[in-house]
Protein backbone atom coordinates (compact mmCIF):
# COMPACT_ATOMS: atom_id res chain seq x y z
CA MET A 1 0.01 -0.02 -0.04
CA ALA A 2 2.82 2.31 1.00
CA VAL A 3 4.54 1.67 -2.57
CA MET A 4 1.28 2.48 -4.33
CA LEU A 5 0.87 5.70 -2.27
CA ARG A 6 4.39 6.77 -3.11
CA SER A 7 3.93 5.97 -6.82
CA LEU A 8 0.69 7.96 -6.93
CA LEU A 9 2.30 10.97 -5.12
CA THR A 10 5.30 10.69 -7.76
CA PHE A 11 2.74 10.59 -10.56
CA THR A 12 0.70 13.44 -9.16
CA LEU A 13 3.93 15.68 -8.79
CA PHE A 14 5.11 14.76 -12.15
CA ALA A 15 1.83 15.75 -13.61
CA LEU A 16 1.69 19.16 -11.85
CA LEU A 17 5.12 19.82 -13.03
CA PHE A 18 4.31 18.86 -16.60
CA SER A 19 1.27 21.15 -16.36
CA CYS A 20 3.39 24.12 -15.22
CA ILE A 21 5.77 23.54 -18.10
CA GLN A 22 2.91 23.45 -20.45
CA VAL A 23 1.31 26.58 -19.14
CA SER A 24 4.52 28.50 -19.04
CA ALA A 25 5.59 27.61 -22.61
CA THR A 26 5.75 30.50 -25.15
CA MET A 27 3.32 30.21 -27.81
CA LEU A 28 3.66 32.23 -31.21
CA THR A 29 0.94 32.50 -33.64
CA LEU A 30 1.24 33.49 -37.24
CA TYR A 31 -1.99 35.11 -38.66
CA ASN A 32 -2.45 35.88 -42.27
CA LYS A 33 -4.75 38.96 -42.68
CA CYS A 34 -3.67 39.36 -46.43
CA ALA A 35 -6.12 38.98 -49.11
CA HIS A 36 -3.83 36.45 -50.69
CA PRO A 37 -2.02 33.35 -49.21
CA VAL A 38 1.27 33.74 -47.46
CA TRP A 39 3.96 31.08 -47.24
CA PRO A 40 5.68 31.93 -43.84
CA GLY A 41 9.38 31.11 -43.64
CA ILE A 42 11.08 30.41 -40.39
CA LEU A 43 14.81 30.38 -39.65
CA PRO A 44 16.31 29.50 -36.33
CA ASN A 45 19.45 31.04 -34.95
CA ALA A 46 22.55 28.85 -35.03
CA GLY A 47 22.14 25.92 -32.59
CA GLN A 48 18.27 26.29 -32.32
CA PRO A 49 15.88 23.65 -33.52
CA LEU A 50 13.95 23.91 -36.71
CA LEU A 51 10.25 24.42 -36.27
CA ALA A 52 7.55 23.27 -38.76
CA ARG A 53 10.26 22.24 -41.34
CA GLY A 54 10.97 25.96 -41.78
CA GLY A 55 7.96 26.85 -43.95
CA PHE A 56 4.26 26.17 -45.00
CA LYS A 57 1.36 27.72 -46.87
CA LEU A 58 -1.06 29.80 -44.93
CA PRO A 59 -4.16 30.90 -46.41
CA PRO A 60 -5.97 34.19 -45.90
CA ASN A 61 -7.63 34.77 -42.59
CA LYS A 62 -6.00 31.51 -41.27
CA THR A 63 -3.59 31.06 -38.13
CA TYR A 64 -0.80 28.70 -37.26
CA THR A 65 0.27 28.30 -33.73
CA LEU A 66 3.78 27.25 -32.82
CA ARG A 67 5.25 26.03 -29.39
CA LEU A 68 8.68 27.77 -29.16
CA PRO A 69 11.29 25.88 -27.29
CA ARG A 70 12.76 27.36 -24.21
CA LEU A 71 15.45 30.14 -24.94
CA TRP A 72 14.63 29.85 -28.75
CA SER A 73 15.64 32.58 -31.04
CA GLY A 74 15.10 33.05 -34.83
CA ARG A 75 13.21 34.97 -37.47
CA PHE A 76 9.95 34.68 -39.58
CA TRP A 77 9.09 36.24 -42.80
CA GLY A 78 6.30 36.00 -45.39
CA ARG A 79 6.83 34.64 -48.87
CA HIS A 80 4.09 35.50 -51.49
CA GLY A 81 3.52 34.85 -55.08
CA CYS A 82 4.52 31.10 -54.72
CA SER A 83 3.98 28.03 -56.59
CA PHE A 84 5.19 24.67 -55.60
CA ASP A 85 4.67 21.13 -57.11
CA ALA A 86 3.75 17.90 -55.38
CA THR A 87 7.31 17.39 -54.24
CA GLY A 88 7.37 20.99 -52.59
CA ARG A 89 9.79 22.40 -55.24
CA GLY A 90 8.86 25.75 -56.91
CA HIS A 91 9.45 29.47 -56.58
CA CYS A 92 8.26 32.45 -54.79
CA ALA A 93 8.07 36.09 -56.00
CA THR A 94 9.62 37.45 -52.77
CA GLY A 95 11.30 35.91 -49.96
CA ASP A 96 12.11 32.69 -51.75
CA CYS A 97 14.20 30.19 -49.73
CA GLY A 98 16.11 28.00 -52.23
CA GLY A 99 12.91 27.11 -54.23
CA SER A 100 11.39 24.86 -51.43
CA LEU A 101 8.09 24.99 -49.72
CA PHE A 102 10.12 23.76 -46.69
CA CYS A 103 12.83 26.26 -46.00
CA ASN A 104 14.70 23.62 -43.77
CA GLY A 105 17.33 26.24 -42.46
CA ILE A 106 17.56 28.36 -45.63
CA GLY A 107 16.90 32.16 -45.26
CA GLY A 108 14.65 34.16 -47.42
CA THR A 109 16.24 35.90 -50.31
CA PRO A 110 16.00 39.69 -49.75
CA PRO A 111 14.23 41.80 -49.81
CA ALA A 112 11.97 40.45 -47.15
CA THR A 113 10.46 41.85 -43.94
CA LEU A 114 11.50 40.05 -40.92
CA ALA A 115 9.91 39.57 -37.67
CA GLU A 116 12.68 38.47 -35.14
CA ILE A 117 12.33 37.13 -31.54
CA THR A 118 14.84 35.99 -28.85
CA LEU A 119 13.32 34.24 -25.76
CA GLY A 120 15.47 34.94 -22.60
CA LYS A 121 15.38 33.59 -19.16
CA ASP A 122 13.85 36.72 -17.70
CA GLN A 123 13.03 38.88 -20.74
CA ASP A 124 12.29 38.29 -24.37
CA PHE A 125 13.29 40.62 -27.22
CA TYR A 126 11.49 40.97 -30.49
CA ASP A 127 11.48 43.49 -33.50
CA VAL A 128 10.40 43.84 -36.96
CA SER A 129 13.33 44.48 -39.31
CA LEU A 130 13.67 46.34 -42.65
CA VAL A 131 17.41 45.86 -42.71
CA ASP A 132 17.05 43.18 -45.52
CA GLY A 133 14.33 45.26 -47.31
CA TYR A 134 10.58 44.97 -47.30
CA ASN A 135 8.01 42.75 -49.01
CA LEU A 136 5.00 42.53 -46.85
CA ALA A 137 3.52 44.44 -43.89
CA ILE A 138 4.23 42.48 -40.65
CA SER A 139 3.63 43.30 -37.01
CA ILE A 140 4.47 41.53 -33.80
CA THR A 141 2.46 41.86 -30.57
CA PRO A 142 2.22 40.03 -27.24
CA SER A 143 -1.01 38.21 -27.41
CA ARG A 144 -0.84 37.14 -23.70
CA ARG A 145 0.07 39.92 -21.52
CA GLY A 146 3.33 39.53 -19.87
CA SER A 147 5.22 41.82 -17.59
CA GLY A 148 7.24 44.78 -18.75
CA LYS A 149 6.52 47.16 -21.54
CA CYS A 150 5.32 44.45 -24.02
CA SER A 151 4.80 46.90 -26.88
CA TYR A 152 4.00 46.61 -30.38
CA ALA A 153 6.74 46.16 -33.06
CA GLY A 154 6.09 46.37 -36.84
CA CYS A 155 5.63 47.98 -40.23
CA VAL A 156 1.95 48.39 -41.15
CA ASN A 157 2.28 50.78 -44.10
CA ASP A 158 2.88 49.33 -47.63
CA LEU A 159 6.47 50.46 -48.45
CA ASN A 160 5.97 49.13 -52.01
CA LEU A 161 3.85 52.16 -52.72
CA LYS A 162 6.68 54.53 -51.52
CA CYS A 163 9.74 52.65 -52.59
CA PRO A 164 12.34 54.76 -54.41
CA VAL A 165 13.12 53.74 -58.02
CA GLY A 166 16.62 52.53 -57.28
CA LEU A 167 15.31 50.07 -54.62
CA GLN A 168 12.15 48.76 -56.49
CA VAL A 169 11.75 45.02 -57.35
CA ARG A 170 9.10 44.83 -60.01
CA SER A 171 6.71 41.99 -60.96
CA LYS A 172 7.45 40.08 -64.16
CA ASP A 173 4.96 42.02 -66.21
CA ASN A 174 6.66 45.39 -64.77
CA ARG A 175 3.27 46.66 -63.78
CA ARG A 176 3.78 46.88 -59.80
CA VAL A 177 6.32 46.91 -57.25
CA VAL A 178 6.38 43.74 -55.37
CA ALA A 179 9.32 44.46 -52.93
CA CYS A 180 11.72 47.17 -51.92
CA LYS A 181 15.44 46.58 -51.45
CA SER A 182 17.43 47.93 -48.86
CA ALA A 183 20.08 50.54 -49.73
CA CYS A 184 22.60 48.01 -48.55
CA SER A 185 21.50 45.24 -50.86
CA ALA A 186 21.04 47.73 -53.67
CA PHE A 187 24.22 49.58 -53.67
CA ASN A 188 26.55 47.31 -51.49
CA SER A 189 28.20 50.12 -49.93
CA PRO A 190 29.79 50.20 -46.28
CA ARG A 191 27.95 53.35 -45.44
CA TYR A 192 24.53 51.58 -46.09
CA CYS A 193 25.54 48.25 -44.87
CA CYS A 194 27.14 49.47 -41.61
CA THR A 195 30.32 47.49 -42.34
CA GLY A 196 33.94 48.31 -42.56
CA ASN A 197 34.77 51.66 -41.16
CA PHE A 198 31.00 52.19 -40.70
CA GLY A 199 30.65 48.97 -38.51
CA ASN A 200 29.60 50.81 -35.31
CA PRO A 201 26.74 53.11 -34.12
CA GLN A 202 28.96 56.17 -34.01
CA SER A 203 29.85 56.03 -37.64
CA CYS A 204 26.80 54.43 -39.27
CA LYS A 205 24.07 57.02 -39.14
CA PRO A 206 20.58 57.15 -40.80
CA THR A 207 20.62 57.85 -44.61
CA ALA A 208 18.14 59.41 -47.06
CA TYR A 209 16.94 55.79 -47.76
CA SER A 210 16.63 54.54 -44.29
CA ARG A 211 14.79 57.73 -43.43
CA ILE A 212 12.05 56.81 -45.87
CA PHE A 213 11.81 53.47 -44.18
CA LYS A 214 11.56 55.00 -40.79
CA ALA A 215 9.13 57.71 -41.61
CA ALA A 216 6.77 54.88 -43.04
CA CYS A 217 7.50 52.23 -40.17
CA PRO A 218 8.61 54.18 -37.02
CA LYS A 219 8.33 50.83 -35.03
CA ALA A 220 10.69 48.82 -37.35
CA TYR A 221 14.49 48.63 -37.81
CA SER A 222 15.33 50.95 -40.73
CA TYR A 223 19.05 50.15 -40.57
CA ALA A 224 21.40 48.15 -38.59
CA PHE A 225 21.95 50.26 -35.60
CA ASP A 226 18.40 51.46 -35.35
CA ASP A 227 17.92 50.06 -31.85
CA PRO A 228 16.43 52.59 -29.44
CA THR A 229 13.03 53.05 -31.30
CA SER A 230 12.91 49.51 -32.79
CA ILE A 231 13.41 46.71 -30.15
CA ALA A 232 10.61 45.67 -27.81
CA THR A 233 10.85 43.59 -24.65
CA CYS A 234 8.34 41.55 -22.65
CA SER A 235 8.44 38.89 -20.02
CA GLY A 236 6.18 35.75 -20.01
CA GLY A 237 4.20 36.68 -23.09
CA ASN A 238 2.85 34.82 -26.00
CA TYR A 239 3.08 36.52 -29.50
CA LEU A 240 1.13 37.09 -32.43
CA VAL A 241 2.96 37.76 -35.92
CA THR A 242 0.44 39.19 -38.34
CA PHE A 243 0.97 39.46 -42.04
CA CYS A 244 -0.80 42.64 -43.69
CA PRO A 245 -1.94 43.93 -40.31
CA HIS A 246 -3.53 46.82 -42.02
CA HIS A 247 -5.70 44.68 -44.28
CA ARG A 248 -9.48 44.81 -43.36
């Protein structure tokens, strides 16, 4: 009888512990508010596990929820204009990751708007970045209120409508702008890329191009050292990444 009671107590404690772990897990939901399908891409940082094979199709007005491993970090982006065959091979107009439905550790081809997150022991860090250019509007917000500021980060405006001619990526028929390059990828200059002699916050400052991005999307990274107004923090939150958050 005593053995049975000890076993029952052990099982109960294990169940309670597992329940606490489940409750405290960080959930991240991808929500497609665009009028068209989006193929989210997922790239973990070095040493982090791959989630959902790195990519999938998300129809309009649908969501997909991921359980993020403890201390996970990585990036999400939206691919659009995609077509894949039965084997998962194909191509996307923007954000393509090696011509595969499942990115499997391959990043998106710039330009692509990025949602980035790093889970910490005591505090999470997250942002939306235009450093690799822009293709879709994205926002990231806490969906379960944690402690701390837990503020919004994102780029709601359609930068494709305001993209300077030298940065434009146009559709095959040349009728519209489908993405907007960063000045770094367009001109490959240390000044725009914050490399070489410009590889520090003191020498790499906003440019005419990054100011266009910042004016349109004040809560997103417009260049590499745009930290003060771009990075958000939260503790104990769940997160919602929305594609085309401005769409009604």
